[in-house]
Amino acid sequence: MTSLRENYRRIMAYEPFDHLPVWYFGAWPETKARWAQEGLDGISLSGDAGPELAGMDPDWEAGMWELHGLVNLKPLSADPLEVLERGDGYQVVRTPLGAVQKESVGSSSIPLVLEEALKPTRASWQRFKRFLDPADPARWAADWESQAAALNRRARVTTFHAGTLFGWL
């Protein structure tokens, strides 16, 4: 049997392969806690990765969301998070990028965006583009090249998240 990494490479190159990978898309910690409460054994309750159970391939998500610590592609801001309102089970915040969103407190959930950080105006773009500076030293890990080399030596698949149609959730 070939390594998972080689098997994945073969699939992507339309070459003969051993098997299709068995992966599970990530789960919120509350979801995994409920599964454990309902009797699912052998899952890690920490982190966002999906369950790794017998018969599954090693988790493909581990490190993906943070780009394995090599680089930070997200808009960067040193501005603080500002809480605008607190309610029963939620808070409304202004993010470091300037968006206003309603967030769940005490549980995982996708925030409700009330006001986007980047509006379709020239002034908004002028304000926002400072968050995209490719020369910002906070973008790169100090030893990113050696970390990348170590990732390339692994037998498992290394994935990188590059955002979605809905941004960075």
C-alpha atoms as a PDB file:
ATOM      1  CA  MET A   1       0.000   0.000   0.000  1.00  0.00           C
ATOM      2  CA  THR A   2       1.319   3.428  -0.895  1.00  0.00           C
ATOM      3  CA  SER A   3       1.577   6.290   1.582  1.00  0.00           C
ATOM      4  CA  LEU A   4      -1.478   8.489   1.935  1.00  0.00           C
ATOM      5  CA  ARG A   5       0.487  11.373   0.445  1.00  0.00           C
ATOM      6  CA  GLU A   6       1.509   9.365  -2.627  1.00  0.00           C
ATOM      7  CA  ASN A   7      -1.981   7.916  -2.965  1.00  0.00           C
ATOM      8  CA  TYR A   8      -3.467  11.432  -2.878  1.00  0.00           C
ATOM      9  CA  ARG A   9      -0.935  12.657  -5.460  1.00  0.00           C
ATOM     10  CA  ARG A  10      -1.937   9.767  -7.743  1.00  0.00           C
ATOM     11  CA  ILE A  11      -5.635  10.597  -7.404  1.00  0.00           C
ATOM     12  CA  MET A  12      -4.995  14.257  -8.289  1.00  0.00           C
ATOM     13  CA  ALA A  13      -2.895  13.195 -11.313  1.00  0.00           C
ATOM     14  CA  TYR A  14      -5.582  10.735 -12.547  1.00  0.00           C
ATOM     15  CA  GLU A  15      -3.204   7.810 -12.020  1.00  0.00           C
ATOM     16  CA  PRO A  16      -4.056   4.389 -10.534  1.00  0.00           C
ATOM     17  CA  PHE A  17      -4.441   4.582  -6.729  1.00  0.00           C
ATOM     18  CA  ASP A  18      -4.954   2.222  -3.782  1.00  0.00           C
ATOM     19  CA  HIS A  19      -8.064   3.665  -2.175  1.00  0.00           C
ATOM     20  CA  LEU A  20     -10.059   6.832  -1.762  1.00  0.00           C
ATOM     21  CA  PRO A  21      -9.164   8.609   1.479  1.00  0.00           C
ATOM     22  CA  VAL A  22     -11.675   8.363   4.321  1.00  0.00           C
ATOM     23  CA  TRP A  23     -11.791  11.791   5.954  1.00  0.00           C
ATOM     24  CA  TYR A  24     -14.345  13.686   7.961  1.00  0.00           C
ATOM     25  CA  PHE A  25     -14.746  17.439   7.728  1.00  0.00           C
ATOM     26  CA  GLY A  26     -14.100  19.156  11.079  1.00  0.00           C
ATOM     27  CA  ALA A  27     -16.527  19.474  13.927  1.00  0.00           C
ATOM     28  CA  TRP A  28     -17.135  22.058  16.603  1.00  0.00           C
ATOM     29  CA  PRO A  29     -16.055  21.008  20.116  1.00  0.00           C
ATOM     30  CA  GLU A  30     -19.698  21.030  21.273  1.00  0.00           C
ATOM     31  CA  THR A  31     -20.613  18.585  18.504  1.00  0.00           C
ATOM     32  CA  LYS A  32     -17.846  16.170  19.495  1.00  0.00           C
ATOM     33  CA  ALA A  33     -18.801  16.428  23.180  1.00  0.00           C
ATOM     34  CA  ARG A  34     -22.378  15.489  22.288  1.00  0.00           C
ATOM     35  CA  TRP A  35     -21.214  12.559  20.158  1.00  0.00           C
ATOM     36  CA  ALA A  36     -19.126  11.324  23.098  1.00  0.00           C
ATOM     37  CA  GLN A  37     -22.110  11.764  25.436  1.00  0.00           C
ATOM     38  CA  GLU A  38     -24.211   9.711  23.011  1.00  0.00           C
ATOM     39  CA  GLY A  39     -21.651   6.887  23.042  1.00  0.00           C
ATOM     40  CA  LEU A  40     -19.135   7.563  20.258  1.00  0.00           C
ATOM     41  CA  ASP A  41     -15.799   6.351  21.596  1.00  0.00           C
ATOM     42  CA  GLY A  42     -12.286   7.219  20.472  1.00  0.00           C
ATOM     43  CA  ILE A  43     -12.657  10.856  19.455  1.00  0.00           C
ATOM     44  CA  SER A  44     -10.493  13.718  20.609  1.00  0.00           C
ATOM     45  CA  LEU A  45     -12.630  16.407  22.183  1.00  0.00           C
ATOM     46  CA  SER A  46     -10.028  19.130  21.631  1.00  0.00           C
ATOM     47  CA  GLY A  47      -9.571  21.187  18.496  1.00  0.00           C
ATOM     48  CA  ASP A  48     -11.719  21.534  15.399  1.00  0.00           C
ATOM     49  CA  ALA A  49     -10.552  18.439  13.539  1.00  0.00           C
ATOM     50  CA  GLY A  50     -13.061  15.726  12.807  1.00  0.00           C
ATOM     51  CA  PRO A  51     -13.070  12.379  14.579  1.00  0.00           C
ATOM     52  CA  GLU A  52     -10.237   9.979  13.764  1.00  0.00           C
ATOM     53  CA  LEU A  53     -11.708   6.514  14.106  1.00  0.00           C
ATOM     54  CA  ALA A  54     -10.616   3.039  13.037  1.00  0.00           C
ATOM     55  CA  GLY A  55     -10.706   2.744   9.252  1.00  0.00           C
ATOM     56  CA  MET A  56     -10.214   6.458   8.668  1.00  0.00           C
ATOM     57  CA  ASP A  57      -7.104   8.045   7.226  1.00  0.00           C
ATOM     58  CA  PRO A  58      -5.092  10.510   9.365  1.00  0.00           C
ATOM     59  CA  ASP A  59      -6.902  13.809   9.682  1.00  0.00           C
ATOM     60  CA  TRP A  60      -6.263  16.067   6.714  1.00  0.00           C
ATOM     61  CA  GLU A  61      -7.264  19.240   8.544  1.00  0.00           C
ATOM     62  CA  ALA A  62      -4.641  19.315  11.299  1.00  0.00           C
ATOM     63  CA  GLY A  63      -2.755  22.586  10.821  1.00  0.00           C
ATOM     64  CA  MET A  64      -4.681  23.519   7.684  1.00  0.00           C
ATOM     65  CA  TRP A  65      -6.682  26.400   9.133  1.00  0.00           C
ATOM     66  CA  GLU A  66      -3.529  28.146  10.433  1.00  0.00           C
ATOM     67  CA  LEU A  67      -1.515  27.261   7.290  1.00  0.00           C
ATOM     68  CA  HIS A  68       0.711  25.119   9.511  1.00  0.00           C
ATOM     69  CA  GLY A  69       2.123  28.243  11.127  1.00  0.00           C
ATOM     70  CA  LEU A  70       4.115  29.139   7.992  1.00  0.00           C
ATOM     71  CA  VAL A  71       2.343  32.274   6.833  1.00  0.00           C
ATOM     72  CA  ASN A  72      -0.669  34.369   7.773  1.00  0.00           C
ATOM     73  CA  LEU A  73      -2.722  35.183   4.668  1.00  0.00           C
ATOM     74  CA  LYS A  74      -5.556  36.844   6.534  1.00  0.00           C
ATOM     75  CA  PRO A  75      -5.849  40.606   6.759  1.00  0.00           C
ATOM     76  CA  LEU A  76      -3.733  41.705   9.742  1.00  0.00           C
ATOM     77  CA  SER A  77      -4.680  44.384  12.231  1.00  0.00           C
ATOM     78  CA  ALA A  78      -3.196  45.467  15.543  1.00  0.00           C
ATOM     79  CA  ASP A  79      -6.485  47.165  16.453  1.00  0.00           C
ATOM     80  CA  PRO A  80      -8.318  45.647  19.439  1.00  0.00           C
ATOM     81  CA  LEU A  81     -11.673  43.868  19.363  1.00  0.00           C
ATOM     82  CA  GLU A  82     -14.315  46.250  20.714  1.00  0.00           C
ATOM     83  CA  VAL A  83     -17.447  44.940  22.456  1.00  0.00           C
ATOM     84  CA  LEU A  84     -20.346  47.213  21.487  1.00  0.00           C
ATOM     85  CA  GLU A  85     -23.196  45.353  23.184  1.00  0.00           C
ATOM     86  CA  ARG A  86     -23.680  42.350  25.464  1.00  0.00           C
ATOM     87  CA  GLY A  87     -26.895  40.352  25.505  1.00  0.00           C
ATOM     88  CA  ASP A  88     -28.215  37.033  26.723  1.00  0.00           C
ATOM     89  CA  GLY A  89     -25.943  34.502  24.981  1.00  0.00           C
ATOM     90  CA  TYR A  90     -24.496  36.935  22.460  1.00  0.00           C
ATOM     91  CA  GLN A  91     -22.339  39.998  22.026  1.00  0.00           C
ATOM     92  CA  VAL A  92     -22.029  42.559  19.247  1.00  0.00           C
ATOM     93  CA  VAL A  93     -18.414  43.423  18.472  1.00  0.00           C
ATOM     94  CA  ARG A  94     -16.370  45.580  16.152  1.00  0.00           C
ATOM     95  CA  THR A  95     -13.607  43.326  14.862  1.00  0.00           C
ATOM     96  CA  PRO A  96     -10.003  44.484  14.510  1.00  0.00           C
ATOM     97  CA  LEU A  97     -10.702  44.914  10.769  1.00  0.00           C
ATOM     98  CA  GLY A  98     -13.744  47.105  11.424  1.00  0.00           C
ATOM     99  CA  ALA A  99     -16.654  44.725  10.761  1.00  0.00           C
ATOM    100  CA  VAL A 100     -19.572  44.738  13.190  1.00  0.00           C
ATOM    101  CA  GLN A 101     -20.897  41.285  14.012  1.00  0.00           C
ATOM    102  CA  LYS A 102     -23.162  39.502  16.443  1.00  0.00           C
ATOM    103  CA  GLU A 103     -21.397  36.522  18.010  1.00  0.00           C
ATOM    104  CA  SER A 104     -22.606  33.676  20.160  1.00  0.00           C
ATOM    105  CA  VAL A 105     -21.105  33.632  23.651  1.00  0.00           C
ATOM    106  CA  GLY A 106     -20.429  30.259  25.234  1.00  0.00           C
ATOM    107  CA  SER A 107     -20.852  28.130  22.110  1.00  0.00           C
ATOM    108  CA  SER A 108     -19.483  27.809  18.584  1.00  0.00           C
ATOM    109  CA  SER A 109     -21.412  29.474  15.799  1.00  0.00           C
ATOM    110  CA  ILE A 110     -20.818  31.425  12.617  1.00  0.00           C
ATOM    111  CA  PRO A 111     -21.165  35.136  13.466  1.00  0.00           C
ATOM    112  CA  LEU A 112     -23.922  37.265  11.972  1.00  0.00           C
ATOM    113  CA  VAL A 113     -22.240  40.095  10.060  1.00  0.00           C
ATOM    114  CA  LEU A 114     -24.144  43.323  10.637  1.00  0.00           C
ATOM    115  CA  GLU A 115     -21.659  45.597   8.867  1.00  0.00           C
ATOM    116  CA  GLU A 116     -18.826  44.467   6.594  1.00  0.00           C
ATOM    117  CA  ALA A 117     -15.253  45.585   7.219  1.00  0.00           C
ATOM    118  CA  LEU A 118     -14.799  46.426   3.539  1.00  0.00           C
ATOM    119  CA  LYS A 119     -17.573  48.398   1.898  1.00  0.00           C
ATOM    120  CA  PRO A 120     -17.846  49.082  -1.853  1.00  0.00           C
ATOM    121  CA  THR A 121     -16.382  52.573  -1.611  1.00  0.00           C
ATOM    122  CA  ARG A 122     -12.976  54.053  -2.417  1.00  0.00           C
ATOM    123  CA  ALA A 123     -12.610  55.396   1.149  1.00  0.00           C
ATOM    124  CA  SER A 124     -13.307  51.973   2.634  1.00  0.00           C
ATOM    125  CA  TRP A 125     -10.723  50.376   0.333  1.00  0.00           C
ATOM    126  CA  GLN A 126      -8.117  53.005   1.256  1.00  0.00           C
ATOM    127  CA  ARG A 127      -8.712  52.232   4.947  1.00  0.00           C
ATOM    128  CA  PHE A 128      -8.786  48.441   4.478  1.00  0.00           C
ATOM    129  CA  LYS A 129      -5.747  47.878   2.262  1.00  0.00           C
ATOM    130  CA  ARG A 130      -3.352  48.589   5.159  1.00  0.00           C
ATOM    131  CA  PHE A 131      -4.440  45.191   6.570  1.00  0.00           C
ATOM    132  CA  LEU A 132      -3.073  43.440   3.449  1.00  0.00           C
ATOM    133  CA  ASP A 133       0.578  44.579   3.590  1.00  0.00           C
ATOM    134  CA  PRO A 134       2.639  41.638   2.240  1.00  0.00           C
ATOM    135  CA  ALA A 135       5.781  43.038   3.900  1.00  0.00           C
ATOM    136  CA  ASP A 136       4.283  42.956   7.404  1.00  0.00           C
ATOM    137  CA  PRO A 137       6.739  40.855   9.482  1.00  0.00           C
ATOM    138  CA  ALA A 138       3.784  39.248  11.276  1.00  0.00           C
ATOM    139  CA  ARG A 139       2.909  37.423   8.031  1.00  0.00           C
ATOM    140  CA  TRP A 140       5.763  34.914   8.112  1.00  0.00           C
ATOM    141  CA  ALA A 141       7.053  32.523  10.747  1.00  0.00           C
ATOM    142  CA  ALA A 142      10.729  33.196  11.478  1.00  0.00           C
ATOM    143  CA  ASP A 143      11.695  29.656  10.435  1.00  0.00           C
ATOM    144  CA  TRP A 144       9.019  29.053   7.793  1.00  0.00           C
ATOM    145  CA  GLU A 145      11.443  27.482   5.312  1.00  0.00           C
ATOM    146  CA  SER A 146      12.558  24.722   7.711  1.00  0.00           C
ATOM    147  CA  GLN A 147       8.935  24.171   8.770  1.00  0.00           C
ATOM    148  CA  ALA A 148       7.914  23.824   5.109  1.00  0.00           C
ATOM    149  CA  ALA A 149      10.719  21.328   4.503  1.00  0.00           C
ATOM    150  CA  ALA A 150       9.508  19.254   7.474  1.00  0.00           C
ATOM    151  CA  LEU A 151       5.957  19.263   6.085  1.00  0.00           C
ATOM    152  CA  ASN A 152       7.273  18.056   2.726  1.00  0.00           C
ATOM    153  CA  ARG A 153       8.986  15.091   4.409  1.00  0.00           C
ATOM    154  CA  ARG A 154       5.768  13.806   5.971  1.00  0.00           C
ATOM    155  CA  ALA A 155       4.026  10.742   4.584  1.00  0.00           C
ATOM    156  CA  ARG A 156       0.592  12.279   5.077  1.00  0.00           C
ATOM    157  CA  VAL A 157      -1.258  14.826   2.981  1.00  0.00           C
ATOM    158  CA  THR A 158      -0.555  18.470   3.790  1.00  0.00           C
ATOM    159  CA  THR A 159      -3.441  20.811   3.049  1.00  0.00           C
ATOM    160  CA  PHE A 160      -3.674  24.596   3.124  1.00  0.00           C
ATOM    161  CA  HIS A 161      -6.797  26.693   3.577  1.00  0.00           C
ATOM    162  CA  ALA A 162      -7.030  29.702   1.280  1.00  0.00           C
ATOM    163  CA  GLY A 163     -10.374  31.147   2.311  1.00  0.00           C
ATOM    164  CA  THR A 164     -13.829  30.465   0.934  1.00  0.00           C
ATOM    165  CA  LEU A 165     -16.545  32.212  -1.001  1.00  0.00           C
ATOM    166  CA  PHE A 166     -17.719  33.391   2.411  1.00  0.00           C
ATOM    167  CA  GLY A 167     -14.326  34.642   3.638  1.00  0.00           C
ATOM    168  CA  TRP A 168     -12.519  33.342   6.700  1.00  0.00           C
ATOM    169  CA  LEU A 169     -15.212  31.948   8.966  1.00  0.00           C
END
